[in-house]
Amino acid sequence: MTEKSELSQIIEPLRSQFMIMKECLVCKSKLTDKNIKIVSEENSSYMFHLQCHKCDNALVLLASINEIGVGIVGMMSDLTFEDAKKMHKKEVIDEDFLLDAYQTLYKISFNKYLNLK
C-alpha cells in the first residue's frame, strides 16, 4: 500500500464528515493530499501537518478515531513538517522543569547588570 493511498483512506472520512483538510483556513485555496503529511500515528490517533501551497500557512491537526466517534483539535502554526516531526519527538516538559526555569529566571536581576556600568 502506498503512502498516498494510506493517507487518503485516513483523511477521506474526515473530509466528508468535517470541513477540515479541504481548504486553507487563511486564503481558502483547495488543499490536496500533497499538502497533507502524517507527522505521527499511534493506534487510531494521528497528527497531521497541512501546509497551503499558495499562502504557506500551516495547520497542525490531531485526530483521534475510535468506535464512539472522532475527536479533532487543530492549531494554526508556522512550523514546517520537519519542525513538527522534531517537536513531536521531544520529551514532555514537566512541572519541575518549569518551576526550575522560573526560579532561575526570577533570581536574575537585570538591575544588577544595569548597575555594573
PDB file of N, CA and C in Angstrom:
ATOM      1  N   MET A   1       0.846  -1.177   0.000  1.00  0.00           N
ATOM      2  CA  MET A   1       0.000   0.000   0.000  1.00  0.00           C
ATOM      3  C   MET A   1       0.890   1.238   0.000  1.00  0.00           C
ATOM      4  N   THR A   2       0.619   2.166  -0.890  1.00  0.00           N
ATOM      5  CA  THR A   2       1.446   3.363  -0.975  1.00  0.00           C
ATOM      6  C   THR A   2       1.052   4.371   0.083  1.00  0.00           C
ATOM      7  N   GLU A   3       1.961   5.314   0.341  1.00  0.00           N
ATOM      8  CA  GLU A   3       1.719   6.354   1.348  1.00  0.00           C
ATOM      9  C   GLU A   3       0.476   7.173   1.005  1.00  0.00           C
ATOM     10  N   LYS A   4       0.319   7.542  -0.257  1.00  0.00           N
ATOM     11  CA  LYS A   4      -0.811   8.369  -0.655  1.00  0.00           C
ATOM     12  C   LYS A   4      -2.141   7.652  -0.447  1.00  0.00           C
ATOM     13  N   SER A   5      -2.218   6.385  -0.816  1.00  0.00           N
ATOM     14  CA  SER A   5      -3.471   5.666  -0.646  1.00  0.00           C
ATOM     15  C   SER A   5      -3.782   5.460   0.839  1.00  0.00           C
ATOM     16  N   GLU A   6      -2.745   5.240   1.651  1.00  0.00           N
ATOM     17  CA  GLU A   6      -2.955   5.129   3.097  1.00  0.00           C
ATOM     18  C   GLU A   6      -3.442   6.457   3.652  1.00  0.00           C
ATOM     19  N   LEU A   7      -2.830   7.542   3.218  1.00  0.00           N
ATOM     20  CA  LEU A   7      -3.245   8.874   3.656  1.00  0.00           C
ATOM     21  C   LEU A   7      -4.676   9.146   3.232  1.00  0.00           C
ATOM     22  N   SER A   8      -5.017   8.821   2.007  1.00  0.00           N
ATOM     23  CA  SER A   8      -6.375   9.035   1.504  1.00  0.00           C
ATOM     24  C   SER A   8      -7.405   8.262   2.317  1.00  0.00           C
ATOM     25  N   GLN A   9      -7.073   7.031   2.683  1.00  0.00           N
ATOM     26  CA  GLN A   9      -8.004   6.227   3.478  1.00  0.00           C
ATOM     27  C   GLN A   9      -8.253   6.851   4.845  1.00  0.00           C
ATOM     28  N   ILE A  10      -7.256   7.516   5.388  1.00  0.00           N
ATOM     29  CA  ILE A  10      -7.397   8.142   6.700  1.00  0.00           C
ATOM     30  C   ILE A  10      -8.170   9.449   6.607  1.00  0.00           C
ATOM     31  N   ILE A  11      -7.825  10.282   5.620  1.00  0.00           N
ATOM     32  CA  ILE A  11      -8.401  11.628   5.598  1.00  0.00           C
ATOM     33  C   ILE A  11      -9.755  11.742   4.905  1.00  0.00           C
ATOM     34  N   GLU A  12     -10.088  10.821   4.011  1.00  0.00           N
ATOM     35  CA  GLU A  12     -11.370  10.937   3.312  1.00  0.00           C
ATOM     36  C   GLU A  12     -12.573  10.925   4.261  1.00  0.00           C
ATOM     37  N   PRO A  13     -12.626  10.039   5.267  1.00  0.00           N
ATOM     38  CA  PRO A  13     -13.752  10.117   6.210  1.00  0.00           C
ATOM     39  C   PRO A  13     -13.780  11.445   6.976  1.00  0.00           C
ATOM     40  N   LEU A  14     -12.604  11.985   7.289  1.00  0.00           N
ATOM     41  CA  LEU A  14     -12.554  13.269   7.988  1.00  0.00           C
ATOM     42  C   LEU A  14     -13.020  14.399   7.074  1.00  0.00           C
ATOM     43  N   ARG A  15     -12.614  14.357   5.825  1.00  0.00           N
ATOM     44  CA  ARG A  15     -13.036  15.380   4.865  1.00  0.00           C
ATOM     45  C   ARG A  15     -14.537  15.323   4.614  1.00  0.00           C
ATOM     46  N   SER A  16     -15.087  14.123   4.528  1.00  0.00           N
ATOM     47  CA  SER A  16     -16.503  14.005   4.201  1.00  0.00           C
ATOM     48  C   SER A  16     -17.402  14.394   5.372  1.00  0.00           C
ATOM     49  N   GLN A  17     -16.945  14.187   6.599  1.00  0.00           N
ATOM     50  CA  GLN A  17     -17.782  14.483   7.759  1.00  0.00           C
ATOM     51  C   GLN A  17     -17.524  15.868   8.354  1.00  0.00           C
ATOM     52  N   PHE A  18     -16.353  16.422   8.106  1.00  0.00           N
ATOM     53  CA  PHE A  18     -15.984  17.698   8.699  1.00  0.00           C
ATOM     54  C   PHE A  18     -15.454  18.626   7.618  1.00  0.00           C
ATOM     55  N   MET A  19     -15.498  19.899   7.866  1.00  0.00           N
ATOM     56  CA  MET A  19     -14.981  20.876   6.904  1.00  0.00           C
ATOM     57  C   MET A  19     -13.493  21.134   7.174  1.00  0.00           C
ATOM     58  N   ILE A  20     -12.752  20.065   7.297  1.00  0.00           N
ATOM     59  CA  ILE A  20     -11.316  20.204   7.515  1.00  0.00           C
ATOM     60  C   ILE A  20     -10.572  19.523   6.391  1.00  0.00           C
ATOM     61  N   MET A  21      -9.365  19.941   6.205  1.00  0.00           N
ATOM     62  CA  MET A  21      -8.482  19.358   5.209  1.00  0.00           C
ATOM     63  C   MET A  21      -9.015  19.517   3.790  1.00  0.00           C
ATOM     64  N   LYS A  22      -9.960  20.425   3.591  1.00  0.00           N
ATOM     65  CA  LYS A  22     -10.481  20.685   2.257  1.00  0.00           C
ATOM     66  C   LYS A  22      -9.891  21.957   1.685  1.00  0.00           C
ATOM     67  N   GLU A  23      -9.742  22.972   2.549  1.00  0.00           N
ATOM     68  CA  GLU A  23      -9.233  24.247   2.074  1.00  0.00           C
ATOM     69  C   GLU A  23      -8.425  24.939   3.163  1.00  0.00           C
ATOM     70  N   CYS A  24      -7.549  25.835   2.730  1.00  0.00           N
ATOM     71  CA  CYS A  24      -6.725  26.606   3.658  1.00  0.00           C
ATOM     72  C   CYS A  24      -7.628  27.497   4.502  1.00  0.00           C
ATOM     73  N   LEU A  25      -7.372  27.549   5.785  1.00  0.00           N
ATOM     74  CA  LEU A  25      -8.175  28.375   6.674  1.00  0.00           C
ATOM     75  C   LEU A  25      -7.924  29.867   6.459  1.00  0.00           C
ATOM     76  N   VAL A  26      -6.799  30.212   5.858  1.00  0.00           N
ATOM     77  CA  VAL A  26      -6.452  31.621   5.670  1.00  0.00           C
ATOM     78  C   VAL A  26      -6.896  32.136   4.304  1.00  0.00           C
ATOM     79  N   CYS A  27      -6.414  31.501   3.226  1.00  0.00           N
ATOM     80  CA  CYS A  27      -6.688  32.029   1.881  1.00  0.00           C
ATOM     81  C   CYS A  27      -7.765  31.250   1.124  1.00  0.00           C
ATOM     82  N   LYS A  28      -8.256  30.172   1.711  1.00  0.00           N
ATOM     83  CA  LYS A  28      -9.333  29.346   1.142  1.00  0.00           C
ATOM     84  C   LYS A  28      -8.938  28.568  -0.117  1.00  0.00           C
ATOM     85  N   SER A  29      -7.637  28.435  -0.389  1.00  0.00           N
ATOM     86  CA  SER A  29      -7.189  27.607  -1.513  1.00  0.00           C
ATOM     87  C   SER A  29      -7.482  26.150  -1.220  1.00  0.00           C
ATOM     88  N   LYS A  30      -7.758  25.385  -2.272  1.00  0.00           N
ATOM     89  CA  LYS A  30      -8.054  23.966  -2.109  1.00  0.00           C
ATOM     90  C   LYS A  30      -6.792  23.218  -1.680  1.00  0.00           C
ATOM     91  N   LEU A  31      -6.938  22.351  -0.676  1.00  0.00           N
ATOM     92  CA  LEU A  31      -5.834  21.508  -0.222  1.00  0.00           C
ATOM     93  C   LEU A  31      -5.956  20.133  -0.874  1.00  0.00           C
ATOM     94  N   THR A  32      -4.838  19.620  -1.337  1.00  0.00           N
ATOM     95  CA  THR A  32      -4.807  18.280  -1.920  1.00  0.00           C
ATOM     96  C   THR A  32      -4.028  17.369  -0.981  1.00  0.00           C
ATOM     97  N   ASP A  33      -3.963  16.102  -1.313  1.00  0.00           N
ATOM     98  CA  ASP A  33      -3.195  15.159  -0.495  1.00  0.00           C
ATOM     99  C   ASP A  33      -1.721  15.549  -0.428  1.00  0.00           C
ATOM    100  N   LYS A  34      -1.227  16.240  -1.444  1.00  0.00           N
ATOM    101  CA  LYS A  34       0.172  16.683  -1.448  1.00  0.00           C
ATOM    102  C   LYS A  34       0.446  17.703  -0.346  1.00  0.00           C
ATOM    103  N   ASN A  35      -0.606  18.419   0.089  1.00  0.00           N
ATOM    104  CA  ASN A  35      -0.462  19.437   1.128  1.00  0.00           C
ATOM    105  C   ASN A  35      -0.546  18.859   2.535  1.00  0.00           C
ATOM    106  N   ILE A  36      -0.869  17.580   2.654  1.00  0.00           N
ATOM    107  CA  ILE A  36      -1.110  16.958   3.952  1.00  0.00           C
ATOM    108  C   ILE A  36      -0.095  15.846   4.192  1.00  0.00           C
ATOM    109  N   LYS A  37       0.546  15.889   5.358  1.00  0.00           N
ATOM    110  CA  LYS A  37       1.517  14.841   5.709  1.00  0.00           C
ATOM    111  C   LYS A  37       1.215  14.338   7.115  1.00  0.00           C
ATOM    112  N   ILE A  38       1.475  13.060   7.335  1.00  0.00           N
ATOM    113  CA  ILE A  38       1.290  12.467   8.660  1.00  0.00           C
ATOM    114  C   ILE A  38       2.570  12.678   9.460  1.00  0.00           C
ATOM    115  N   VAL A  39       2.463  13.379  10.584  1.00  0.00           N
ATOM    116  CA  VAL A  39       3.601  13.603  11.479  1.00  0.00           C
ATOM    117  C   VAL A  39       3.811  12.363  12.335  1.00  0.00           C
ATOM    118  N   SER A  40       2.714  11.839  12.890  1.00  0.00           N
ATOM    119  CA  SER A  40       2.812  10.632  13.714  1.00  0.00           C
ATOM    120  C   SER A  40       1.493   9.878  13.679  1.00  0.00           C
ATOM    121  N   GLU A  41       1.601   8.612  14.047  1.00  0.00           N
ATOM    122  CA  GLU A  41       0.438   7.730  14.075  1.00  0.00           C
ATOM    123  C   GLU A  41       0.615   6.741  15.211  1.00  0.00           C
ATOM    124  N   GLU A  42      -0.356   6.710  16.110  1.00  0.00           N
ATOM    125  CA  GLU A  42      -0.358   5.738  17.209  1.00  0.00           C
ATOM    126  C   GLU A  42      -1.777   5.221  17.374  1.00  0.00           C
ATOM    127  N   ASN A  43      -1.933   3.922  17.305  1.00  0.00           N
ATOM    128  CA  ASN A  43      -3.255   3.299  17.364  1.00  0.00           C
ATOM    129  C   ASN A  43      -4.149   3.969  16.328  1.00  0.00           C
ATOM    130  N   SER A  44      -5.196   4.619  16.755  1.00  0.00           N
ATOM    131  CA  SER A  44      -6.082   5.321  15.822  1.00  0.00           C
ATOM    132  C   SER A  44      -6.010   6.825  16.020  1.00  0.00           C
ATOM    133  N   SER A  45      -4.869   7.306  16.482  1.00  0.00           N
ATOM    134  CA  SER A  45      -4.659   8.739  16.649  1.00  0.00           C
ATOM    135  C   SER A  45      -3.586   9.204  15.672  1.00  0.00           C
ATOM    136  N   TYR A  46      -3.839  10.331  15.055  1.00  0.00           N
ATOM    137  CA  TYR A  46      -2.941  10.850  14.032  1.00  0.00           C
ATOM    138  C   TYR A  46      -2.619  12.313  14.290  1.00  0.00           C
ATOM    139  N   MET A  47      -1.398  12.704  13.955  1.00  0.00           N
ATOM    140  CA  MET A  47      -1.028  14.104  13.928  1.00  0.00           C
ATOM    141  C   MET A  47      -0.700  14.427  12.474  1.00  0.00           C
ATOM    142  N   PHE A  48      -1.411  15.413  11.930  1.00  0.00           N
ATOM    143  CA  PHE A  48      -1.222  15.824  10.550  1.00  0.00           C
ATOM    144  C   PHE A  48      -0.569  17.195  10.488  1.00  0.00           C
ATOM    145  N   HIS A  49       0.167  17.427   9.428  1.00  0.00           N
ATOM    146  CA  HIS A  49       0.691  18.755   9.123  1.00  0.00           C
ATOM    147  C   HIS A  49       0.137  19.132   7.756  1.00  0.00           C
ATOM    148  N   LEU A  50      -0.599  20.232   7.710  1.00  0.00           N
ATOM    149  CA  LEU A  50      -1.170  20.714   6.464  1.00  0.00           C
ATOM    150  C   LEU A  50      -0.493  22.037   6.132  1.00  0.00           C
ATOM    151  N   GLN A  51      -0.031  22.194   4.903  1.00  0.00           N
ATOM    152  CA  GLN A  51       0.611  23.445   4.513  1.00  0.00           C
ATOM    153  C   GLN A  51       0.028  23.903   3.184  1.00  0.00           C
ATOM    154  N   CYS A  52      -0.432  25.138   3.171  1.00  0.00           N
ATOM    155  CA  CYS A  52      -1.028  25.702   1.968  1.00  0.00           C
ATOM    156  C   CYS A  52       0.058  26.005   0.937  1.00  0.00           C
ATOM    157  N   HIS A  53      -0.176  25.582  -0.300  1.00  0.00           N
ATOM    158  CA  HIS A  53       0.778  25.828  -1.384  1.00  0.00           C
ATOM    159  C   HIS A  53       0.753  27.284  -1.845  1.00  0.00           C
ATOM    160  N   LYS A  54      -0.331  27.988  -1.527  1.00  0.00           N
ATOM    161  CA  LYS A  54      -0.472  29.364  -2.004  1.00  0.00           C
ATOM    162  C   LYS A  54       0.055  30.388  -1.008  1.00  0.00           C
ATOM    163  N   CYS A  55      -0.420  30.329   0.251  1.00  0.00           N
ATOM    164  CA  CYS A  55      -0.029  31.350   1.238  1.00  0.00           C
ATOM    165  C   CYS A  55       1.007  30.849   2.237  1.00  0.00           C
ATOM    166  N   ASP A  56       1.316  29.556   2.204  1.00  0.00           N
ATOM    167  CA  ASP A  56       2.353  28.937   3.038  1.00  0.00           C
ATOM    168  C   ASP A  56       1.990  28.829   4.521  1.00  0.00           C
ATOM    169  N   ASN A  57       0.749  29.135   4.904  1.00  0.00           N
ATOM    170  CA  ASN A  57       0.336  28.944   6.288  1.00  0.00           C
ATOM    171  C   ASN A  57       0.176  27.459   6.565  1.00  0.00           C
ATOM    172  N   ALA A  58       0.355  27.092   7.831  1.00  0.00           N
ATOM    173  CA  ALA A  58       0.296  25.679   8.202  1.00  0.00           C
ATOM    174  C   ALA A  58      -0.717  25.448   9.317  1.00  0.00           C
ATOM    175  N   LEU A  59      -1.171  24.223   9.398  1.00  0.00           N
ATOM    176  CA  LEU A  59      -2.087  23.787  10.440  1.00  0.00           C
ATOM    177  C   LEU A  59      -1.571  22.457  10.960  1.00  0.00           C
ATOM    178  N   VAL A  60      -1.454  22.340  12.278  1.00  0.00           N
ATOM    179  CA  VAL A  60      -1.121  21.066  12.905  1.00  0.00           C
ATOM    180  C   VAL A  60      -2.429  20.549  13.480  1.00  0.00           C
ATOM    181  N   LEU A  61      -2.784  19.339  13.092  1.00  0.00           N
ATOM    182  CA  LEU A  61      -4.091  18.787  13.424  1.00  0.00           C
ATOM    183  C   LEU A  61      -3.929  17.440  14.106  1.00  0.00           C
ATOM    184  N   LEU A  62      -4.606  17.260  15.231  1.00  0.00           N
ATOM    185  CA  LEU A  62      -4.637  15.976  15.931  1.00  0.00           C
ATOM    186  C   LEU A  62      -6.020  15.374  15.743  1.00  0.00           C
ATOM    187  N   ALA A  63      -6.072  14.133  15.300  1.00  0.00           N
ATOM    188  CA  ALA A  63      -7.346  13.451  15.097  1.00  0.00           C
ATOM    189  C   ALA A  63      -7.290  12.087  15.762  1.00  0.00           C
ATOM    190  N   SER A  64      -8.291  11.793  16.559  1.00  0.00           N
ATOM    191  CA  SER A  64      -8.398  10.502  17.217  1.00  0.00           C
ATOM    192  C   SER A  64      -9.705   9.860  16.776  1.00  0.00           C
ATOM    193  N   ILE A  65      -9.595   8.669  16.233  1.00  0.00           N
ATOM    194  CA  ILE A  65     -10.752   7.980  15.677  1.00  0.00           C
ATOM    195  C   ILE A  65     -10.978   6.699  16.475  1.00  0.00           C
ATOM    196  N   ASN A  66     -12.184   6.556  17.026  1.00  0.00           N
ATOM    197  CA  ASN A  66     -12.499   5.334  17.757  1.00  0.00           C
ATOM    198  C   ASN A  66     -13.949   4.936  17.511  1.00  0.00           C
ATOM    199  N   GLU A  67     -14.418   3.911  18.204  1.00  0.00           N
ATOM    200  CA  GLU A  67     -15.757   3.376  17.939  1.00  0.00           C
ATOM    201  C   GLU A  67     -16.891   4.334  18.308  1.00  0.00           C
ATOM    202  N   ILE A  68     -16.635   5.317  19.168  1.00  0.00           N
ATOM    203  CA  ILE A  68     -17.712   6.245  19.534  1.00  0.00           C
ATOM    204  C   ILE A  68     -17.663   7.564  18.778  1.00  0.00           C
ATOM    205  N   GLY A  69     -16.632   7.759  17.973  1.00  0.00           N
ATOM    206  CA  GLY A  69     -16.586   8.980  17.179  1.00  0.00           C
ATOM    207  C   GLY A  69     -15.178   9.441  16.864  1.00  0.00           C
ATOM    208  N   VAL A  70     -15.108  10.709  16.507  1.00  0.00           N
ATOM    209  CA  VAL A  70     -13.856  11.321  16.105  1.00  0.00           C
ATOM    210  C   VAL A  70     -13.633  12.565  16.941  1.00  0.00           C
ATOM    211  N   GLY A  71     -12.414  12.712  17.457  1.00  0.00           N
ATOM    212  CA  GLY A  71     -12.035  13.923  18.170  1.00  0.00           C
ATOM    213  C   GLY A  71     -10.966  14.645  17.372  1.00  0.00           C
ATOM    214  N   ILE A  72     -11.157  15.939  17.159  1.00  0.00           N
ATOM    215  CA  ILE A  72     -10.224  16.706  16.349  1.00  0.00           C
ATOM    216  C   ILE A  72      -9.849  18.002  17.062  1.00  0.00           C
ATOM    217  N   VAL A  73      -8.550  18.278  17.085  1.00  0.00           N
ATOM    218  CA  VAL A  73      -8.035  19.532  17.615  1.00  0.00           C
ATOM    219  C   VAL A  73      -6.987  20.026  16.630  1.00  0.00           C
ATOM    220  N   GLY A  74      -7.067  21.296  16.278  1.00  0.00           N
ATOM    221  CA  GLY A  74      -6.095  21.844  15.344  1.00  0.00           C
ATOM    222  C   GLY A  74      -5.637  23.215  15.772  1.00  0.00           C
ATOM    223  N   MET A  75      -4.470  23.608  15.284  1.00  0.00           N
ATOM    224  CA  MET A  75      -3.985  24.955  15.560  1.00  0.00           C
ATOM    225  C   MET A  75      -3.164  25.467  14.396  1.00  0.00           C
ATOM    226  N   MET A  76      -3.331  26.745  14.116  1.00  0.00           N
ATOM    227  CA  MET A  76      -2.516  27.390  13.099  1.00  0.00           C
ATOM    228  C   MET A  76      -1.087  27.422  13.613  1.00  0.00           C
ATOM    229  N   SER A  77      -0.133  27.306  12.712  1.00  0.00           N
ATOM    230  CA  SER A  77       1.250  27.211  13.129  1.00  0.00           C
ATOM    231  C   SER A  77       2.165  27.740  12.037  1.00  0.00           C
ATOM    232  N   ASP A  78       3.377  28.083  12.441  1.00  0.00           N
ATOM    233  CA  ASP A  78       4.394  28.421  11.447  1.00  0.00           C
ATOM    234  C   ASP A  78       5.413  27.292  11.336  1.00  0.00           C
ATOM    235  N   LEU A  79       5.120  26.155  11.951  1.00  0.00           N
ATOM    236  CA  LEU A  79       6.020  25.010  11.887  1.00  0.00           C
ATOM    237  C   LEU A  79       6.020  24.385  10.495  1.00  0.00           C
ATOM    238  N   THR A  80       7.190  24.007  10.038  1.00  0.00           N
ATOM    239  CA  THR A  80       7.274  23.191   8.834  1.00  0.00           C
ATOM    240  C   THR A  80       6.982  21.746   9.234  1.00  0.00           C
ATOM    241  N   PHE A  81       6.849  20.873   8.254  1.00  0.00           N
ATOM    242  CA  PHE A  81       6.637  19.462   8.549  1.00  0.00           C
ATOM    243  C   PHE A  81       7.806  18.907   9.352  1.00  0.00           C
ATOM    244  N   GLU A  82       9.032  19.268   8.961  1.00  0.00           N
ATOM    245  CA  GLU A  82      10.229  18.793   9.663  1.00  0.00           C
ATOM    246  C   GLU A  82      10.253  19.293  11.108  1.00  0.00           C
ATOM    247  N   ASP A  83       9.860  20.557  11.322  1.00  0.00           N
ATOM    248  CA  ASP A  83       9.783  21.104  12.679  1.00  0.00           C
ATOM    249  C   ASP A  83       8.759  20.346  13.520  1.00  0.00           C
ATOM    250  N   ALA A  84       7.623  20.046  12.921  1.00  0.00           N
ATOM    251  CA  ALA A  84       6.566  19.323  13.637  1.00  0.00           C
ATOM    252  C   ALA A  84       7.053  17.935  14.037  1.00  0.00           C
ATOM    253  N   LYS A  85       7.789  17.264  13.141  1.00  0.00           N
ATOM    254  CA  LYS A  85       8.351  15.942  13.470  1.00  0.00           C
ATOM    255  C   LYS A  85       9.315  16.047  14.649  1.00  0.00           C
ATOM    256  N   LYS A  86      10.199  17.062  14.626  1.00  0.00           N
ATOM    257  CA  LYS A  86      11.164  17.249  15.719  1.00  0.00           C
ATOM    258  C   LYS A  86      10.456  17.538  17.030  1.00  0.00           C
ATOM    259  N   MET A  87       9.463  18.432  17.000  1.00  0.00           N
ATOM    260  CA  MET A  87       8.749  18.809  18.230  1.00  0.00           C
ATOM    261  C   MET A  87       7.972  17.631  18.794  1.00  0.00           C
ATOM    262  N   HIS A  88       7.423  16.808  17.919  1.00  0.00           N
ATOM    263  CA  HIS A  88       6.646  15.659  18.383  1.00  0.00           C
ATOM    264  C   HIS A  88       7.523  14.652  19.126  1.00  0.00           C
ATOM    265  N   LYS A  89       8.777  14.534  18.723  1.00  0.00           N
ATOM    266  CA  LYS A  89       9.684  13.560  19.334  1.00  0.00           C
ATOM    267  C   LYS A  89      10.284  14.041  20.647  1.00  0.00           C
ATOM    268  N   LYS A  90      10.174  15.336  20.940  1.00  0.00           N
ATOM    269  CA  LYS A  90      10.761  15.861  22.172  1.00  0.00           C
ATOM    270  C   LYS A  90       9.996  15.359  23.385  1.00  0.00           C
ATOM    271  N   GLU A  91      10.725  15.256  24.506  1.00  0.00           N
ATOM    272  CA  GLU A  91      10.081  14.819  25.743  1.00  0.00           C
ATOM    273  C   GLU A  91       9.154  15.913  26.274  1.00  0.00           C
ATOM    274  N   VAL A  92       8.161  15.498  27.008  1.00  0.00           N
ATOM    275  CA  VAL A  92       7.204  16.422  27.603  1.00  0.00           C
ATOM    276  C   VAL A  92       7.898  17.229  28.702  1.00  0.00           C
ATOM    277  N   ILE A  93       7.588  18.522  28.767  1.00  0.00           N
ATOM    278  CA  ILE A  93       8.117  19.365  29.833  1.00  0.00           C
ATOM    279  C   ILE A  93       7.219  19.179  31.053  1.00  0.00           C
ATOM    280  N   ASP A  94       7.824  18.819  32.183  1.00  0.00           N
ATOM    281  CA  ASP A  94       7.015  18.599  33.380  1.00  0.00           C
ATOM    282  C   ASP A  94       7.044  19.826  34.297  1.00  0.00           C
ATOM    283  N   GLU A  95       6.270  19.760  35.381  1.00  0.00           N
ATOM    284  CA  GLU A  95       6.136  20.876  36.306  1.00  0.00           C
ATOM    285  C   GLU A  95       7.461  21.236  36.971  1.00  0.00           C
ATOM    286  N   ASP A  96       8.272  20.246  37.307  1.00  0.00           N
ATOM    287  CA  ASP A  96       9.550  20.505  37.965  1.00  0.00           C
ATOM    288  C   ASP A  96      10.479  21.320  37.064  1.00  0.00           C
ATOM    289  N   PHE A  97      10.518  20.991  35.794  1.00  0.00           N
ATOM    290  CA  PHE A  97      11.346  21.737  34.855  1.00  0.00           C
ATOM    291  C   PHE A  97      10.882  23.190  34.766  1.00  0.00           C
ATOM    292  N   LEU A  98       9.563  23.375  34.671  1.00  0.00           N
ATOM    293  CA  LEU A  98       9.026  24.735  34.592  1.00  0.00           C
ATOM    294  C   LEU A  98       9.324  25.536  35.855  1.00  0.00           C
ATOM    295  N   LEU A  99       9.186  24.907  37.014  1.00  0.00           N
ATOM    296  CA  LEU A  99       9.477  25.589  38.275  1.00  0.00           C
ATOM    297  C   LEU A  99      10.949  25.963  38.363  1.00  0.00           C
ATOM    298  N   ASP A 100      11.837  25.059  37.985  1.00  0.00           N
ATOM    299  CA  ASP A 100      13.281  25.364  37.978  1.00  0.00           C
ATOM    300  C   ASP A 100      13.595  26.521  37.037  1.00  0.00           C
ATOM    301  N   ALA A 101      12.999  26.511  35.867  1.00  0.00           N
ATOM    302  CA  ALA A 101      13.234  27.584  34.900  1.00  0.00           C
ATOM    303  C   ALA A 101      12.731  28.915  35.454  1.00  0.00           C
ATOM    304  N   TYR A 102      11.551  28.908  36.055  1.00  0.00           N
ATOM    305  CA  TYR A 102      11.002  30.130  36.642  1.00  0.00           C
ATOM    306  C   TYR A 102      11.904  30.655  37.746  1.00  0.00           C
ATOM    307  N   GLN A 103      12.326  29.775  38.649  1.00  0.00           N
ATOM    308  CA  GLN A 103      13.171  30.210  39.769  1.00  0.00           C
ATOM    309  C   GLN A 103      14.509  30.752  39.272  1.00  0.00           C
ATOM    310  N   THR A 104      15.074  30.149  38.262  1.00  0.00           N
ATOM    311  CA  THR A 104      16.338  30.639  37.704  1.00  0.00           C
ATOM    312  C   THR A 104      16.156  32.022  37.107  1.00  0.00           C
ATOM    313  N   LEU A 105      15.106  32.190  36.329  1.00  0.00           N
ATOM    314  CA  LEU A 105      14.856  33.498  35.715  1.00  0.00           C
ATOM    315  C   LEU A 105      14.500  34.555  36.753  1.00  0.00           C
ATOM    316  N   TYR A 106      13.793  34.160  37.791  1.00  0.00           N
ATOM    317  CA  TYR A 106      13.390  35.106  38.835  1.00  0.00           C
ATOM    318  C   TYR A 106      14.616  35.629  39.579  1.00  0.00           C
ATOM    319  N   LYS A 107      15.615  34.779  39.773  1.00  0.00           N
ATOM    320  CA  LYS A 107      16.812  35.164  40.515  1.00  0.00           C
ATOM    321  C   LYS A 107      17.686  36.145  39.735  1.00  0.00           C
ATOM    322  N   ILE A 108      17.561  36.140  38.424  1.00  0.00           N
ATOM    323  CA  ILE A 108      18.374  37.055  37.619  1.00  0.00           C
ATOM    324  C   ILE A 108      17.792  38.463  37.754  1.00  0.00           C
ATOM    325  N   SER A 109      18.595  39.340  38.215  1.00  0.00           N
ATOM    326  CA  SER A 109      18.141  40.727  38.360  1.00  0.00           C
ATOM    327  C   SER A 109      18.783  41.557  37.263  1.00  0.00           C
ATOM    328  N   PHE A 110      17.980  42.085  36.378  1.00  0.00           N
ATOM    329  CA  PHE A 110      18.529  42.925  35.314  1.00  0.00           C
ATOM    330  C   PHE A 110      19.088  44.223  35.869  1.00  0.00           C
ATOM    331  N   ASN A 111      18.572  44.642  37.015  1.00  0.00           N
ATOM    332  CA  ASN A 111      19.119  45.848  37.657  1.00  0.00           C
ATOM    333  C   ASN A 111      20.578  45.625  38.034  1.00  0.00           C
ATOM    334  N   LYS A 112      20.916  44.410  38.406  1.00  0.00           N
ATOM    335  CA  LYS A 112      22.297  44.084  38.764  1.00  0.00           C
ATOM    336  C   LYS A 112      23.215  44.368  37.583  1.00  0.00           C
ATOM    337  N   TYR A 113      22.777  43.958  36.388  1.00  0.00           N
ATOM    338  CA  TYR A 113      23.579  44.182  35.184  1.00  0.00           C
ATOM    339  C   TYR A 113      23.610  45.654  34.791  1.00  0.00           C
ATOM    340  N   LEU A 114      22.515  46.345  35.012  1.00  0.00           N
ATOM    341  CA  LEU A 114      22.468  47.766  34.664  1.00  0.00           C
ATOM    342  C   LEU A 114      23.348  48.606  35.595  1.00  0.00           C
ATOM    343  N   ASN A 115      23.464  48.181  36.849  1.00  0.00           N
ATOM    344  CA  ASN A 115      24.262  48.931  37.829  1.00  0.00           C
ATOM    345  C   ASN A 115      25.753  48.692  37.692  1.00  0.00           C
ATOM    346  N   LEU A 116      26.166  47.730  36.888  1.00  0.00           N
ATOM    347  CA  LEU A 116      27.584  47.447  36.722  1.00  0.00           C
ATOM    348  C   LEU A 116      28.306  48.494  35.865  1.00  0.00           C
ATOM    349  N   LYS A 117      27.570  49.328  35.175  1.00  0.00           N
ATOM    350  CA  LYS A 117      28.179  50.311  34.278  1.00  0.00           C
ATOM    351  C   LYS A 117      28.978  51.348  35.000  1.00  0.00           C
TER     352      LYS A 117
END
